[in-house]
Amino acid sequence: MINIQATYTASEARDNLYDLVRSAGKGLRSYEITLRGAKPVILMSREELDSWIETFDVMSSPEEVSAIEAGRKTKKGKRISHQDMKKLLGI
């Protein structure tokens, strides 16, 4: 889940834009920005966005979700070979 540090109005965000961009760009914080009559937006680092996109991509693949679930069912600390993992993923 995105860790929203603070909510700013668009005017407040404009007044603090450089500081907010620096902070979000370092991956330290994400901010919600509101504008009257519009849905809120989130200011976050590109790295954070890429991470979310990758998560959505993985979770939209039934094969990858099955592989994750299979991995969770294995005993804690149990390892499987690279070849076995490829078989599980159908590669």
C-alpha atoms as a PDB file:
ATOM      1  CA  MET A   1       0.000   0.000   0.000  1.00  0.00           C
ATOM      2  CA  ILE A   2       1.183   3.485  -0.801  1.00  0.00           C
ATOM      3  CA  ASN A   3       2.296   5.339   2.289  1.00  0.00           C
ATOM      4  CA  ILE A   4       0.727   8.779   1.882  1.00  0.00           C
ATOM      5  CA  GLN A   5       2.623  11.192   4.096  1.00  0.00           C
ATOM      6  CA  ALA A   6       0.399  14.239   3.714  1.00  0.00           C
ATOM      7  CA  THR A   7      -2.439  15.720   1.728  1.00  0.00           C
ATOM      8  CA  TYR A   8      -2.049  19.100   0.072  1.00  0.00           C
ATOM      9  CA  THR A   9      -4.426  21.290  -1.846  1.00  0.00           C
ATOM     10  CA  ALA A  10      -3.215  22.154  -5.330  1.00  0.00           C
ATOM     11  CA  SER A  11      -2.357  25.644  -4.112  1.00  0.00           C
ATOM     12  CA  GLU A  12      -0.342  24.305  -1.188  1.00  0.00           C
ATOM     13  CA  ALA A  13       1.419  21.829  -3.460  1.00  0.00           C
ATOM     14  CA  ARG A  14       2.264  24.613  -5.922  1.00  0.00           C
ATOM     15  CA  ASP A  15       3.776  26.666  -3.099  1.00  0.00           C
ATOM     16  CA  ASN A  16       5.890  23.684  -1.984  1.00  0.00           C
ATOM     17  CA  LEU A  17       6.365  21.962  -5.335  1.00  0.00           C
ATOM     18  CA  TYR A  18      10.159  21.756  -5.401  1.00  0.00           C
ATOM     19  CA  ASP A  19      10.368  20.332  -1.875  1.00  0.00           C
ATOM     20  CA  LEU A  20       7.579  17.831  -2.555  1.00  0.00           C
ATOM     21  CA  VAL A  21       9.177  16.672  -5.810  1.00  0.00           C
ATOM     22  CA  ARG A  22      12.589  16.295  -4.142  1.00  0.00           C
ATOM     23  CA  SER A  23      11.125  14.312  -1.262  1.00  0.00           C
ATOM     24  CA  ALA A  24       8.945  12.081  -3.455  1.00  0.00           C
ATOM     25  CA  GLY A  25      11.769  11.644  -5.964  1.00  0.00           C
ATOM     26  CA  LYS A  26      14.020  10.201  -3.279  1.00  0.00           C
ATOM     27  CA  GLY A  27      11.328   7.618  -2.557  1.00  0.00           C
ATOM     28  CA  LEU A  28      10.939   8.943   0.948  1.00  0.00           C
ATOM     29  CA  ARG A  29       7.323  10.025   0.729  1.00  0.00           C
ATOM     30  CA  SER A  30       4.207  10.099  -1.401  1.00  0.00           C
ATOM     31  CA  TYR A  31       1.697  12.912  -1.342  1.00  0.00           C
ATOM     32  CA  GLU A  32      -1.976  13.267  -2.148  1.00  0.00           C
ATOM     33  CA  ILE A  33      -2.886  16.476  -3.955  1.00  0.00           C
ATOM     34  CA  THR A  34      -6.474  17.636  -4.128  1.00  0.00           C
ATOM     35  CA  LEU A  35      -8.142  20.095  -6.441  1.00  0.00           C
ATOM     36  CA  ARG A  36     -11.689  21.204  -5.839  1.00  0.00           C
ATOM     37  CA  GLY A  37     -14.016  19.392  -8.230  1.00  0.00           C
ATOM     38  CA  ALA A  38     -11.401  16.839  -9.301  1.00  0.00           C
ATOM     39  CA  LYS A  39     -10.335  13.460  -7.977  1.00  0.00           C
ATOM     40  CA  PRO A  40      -7.179  13.484  -5.835  1.00  0.00           C
ATOM     41  CA  VAL A  41      -3.853  12.601  -7.450  1.00  0.00           C
ATOM     42  CA  ILE A  42      -0.730  11.071  -5.963  1.00  0.00           C
ATOM     43  CA  LEU A  43       2.789  12.441  -6.262  1.00  0.00           C
ATOM     44  CA  MET A  44       5.331   9.623  -5.945  1.00  0.00           C
ATOM     45  CA  SER A  45       8.710   8.616  -7.300  1.00  0.00           C
ATOM     46  CA  ARG A  46       8.986   6.949 -10.693  1.00  0.00           C
ATOM     47  CA  GLU A  47      10.610   3.987  -8.967  1.00  0.00           C
ATOM     48  CA  GLU A  48       7.550   3.567  -6.719  1.00  0.00           C
ATOM     49  CA  LEU A  49       5.221   3.781  -9.722  1.00  0.00           C
ATOM     50  CA  ASP A  50       7.280   1.212 -11.635  1.00  0.00           C
ATOM     51  CA  SER A  51       7.084  -1.089  -8.628  1.00  0.00           C
ATOM     52  CA  TRP A  52       3.274  -0.822  -8.549  1.00  0.00           C
ATOM     53  CA  ILE A  53       3.038  -1.440 -12.304  1.00  0.00           C
ATOM     54  CA  GLU A  54       5.204  -4.538 -11.980  1.00  0.00           C
ATOM     55  CA  THR A  55       3.052  -5.797  -9.103  1.00  0.00           C
ATOM     56  CA  PHE A  56      -0.131  -5.296 -11.131  1.00  0.00           C
ATOM     57  CA  ASP A  57       1.471  -7.097 -14.066  1.00  0.00           C
ATOM     58  CA  VAL A  58       2.480 -10.082 -11.936  1.00  0.00           C
ATOM     59  CA  MET A  59      -0.890 -10.262 -10.201  1.00  0.00           C
ATOM     60  CA  SER A  60      -2.740 -10.202 -13.531  1.00  0.00           C
ATOM     61  CA  SER A  61      -0.954 -13.369 -14.683  1.00  0.00           C
ATOM     62  CA  PRO A  62      -2.674 -16.516 -13.390  1.00  0.00           C
ATOM     63  CA  GLU A  63       0.524 -18.509 -13.947  1.00  0.00           C
ATOM     64  CA  GLU A  64       2.607 -16.142 -11.854  1.00  0.00           C
ATOM     65  CA  VAL A  65      -0.015 -16.010  -9.108  1.00  0.00           C
ATOM     66  CA  SER A  66      -0.081 -19.826  -9.039  1.00  0.00           C
ATOM     67  CA  ALA A  67       3.706 -19.910  -8.767  1.00  0.00           C
ATOM     68  CA  ILE A  68       3.614 -17.436  -5.877  1.00  0.00           C
ATOM     69  CA  GLU A  69       0.933 -19.453  -4.093  1.00  0.00           C
ATOM     70  CA  ALA A  70       2.895 -22.665  -4.634  1.00  0.00           C
ATOM     71  CA  GLY A  71       5.953 -20.975  -3.179  1.00  0.00           C
ATOM     72  CA  ARG A  72       4.034 -19.886  -0.116  1.00  0.00           C
ATOM     73  CA  LYS A  73       2.851 -23.455   0.475  1.00  0.00           C
ATOM     74  CA  THR A  74       6.365 -24.873   0.559  1.00  0.00           C
ATOM     75  CA  LYS A  75       7.893 -25.369   3.954  1.00  0.00           C
ATOM     76  CA  LYS A  76       9.673 -22.357   5.337  1.00  0.00           C
ATOM     77  CA  GLY A  77      13.322 -22.442   4.394  1.00  0.00           C
ATOM     78  CA  LYS A  78      12.812 -25.109   1.738  1.00  0.00           C
ATOM     79  CA  ARG A  79      14.646 -24.388  -1.489  1.00  0.00           C
ATOM     80  CA  ILE A  80      13.906 -25.559  -4.982  1.00  0.00           C
ATOM     81  CA  SER A  81      16.232 -25.793  -7.920  1.00  0.00           C
ATOM     82  CA  HIS A  82      16.290 -23.362 -10.804  1.00  0.00           C
ATOM     83  CA  GLN A  83      15.071 -26.127 -13.128  1.00  0.00           C
ATOM     84  CA  ASP A  84      12.129 -26.957 -10.847  1.00  0.00           C
ATOM     85  CA  MET A  85      11.179 -23.290 -10.654  1.00  0.00           C
ATOM     86  CA  LYS A  86      11.215 -23.069 -14.449  1.00  0.00           C
ATOM     87  CA  LYS A  87       8.925 -26.104 -14.607  1.00  0.00           C
ATOM     88  CA  LEU A  88       6.537 -24.504 -12.108  1.00  0.00           C
ATOM     89  CA  LEU A  89       6.443 -21.352 -14.227  1.00  0.00           C
ATOM     90  CA  GLY A  90       6.037 -23.325 -17.436  1.00  0.00           C
ATOM     91  CA  ILE A  91       9.220 -21.982 -18.950  1.00  0.00           C
END
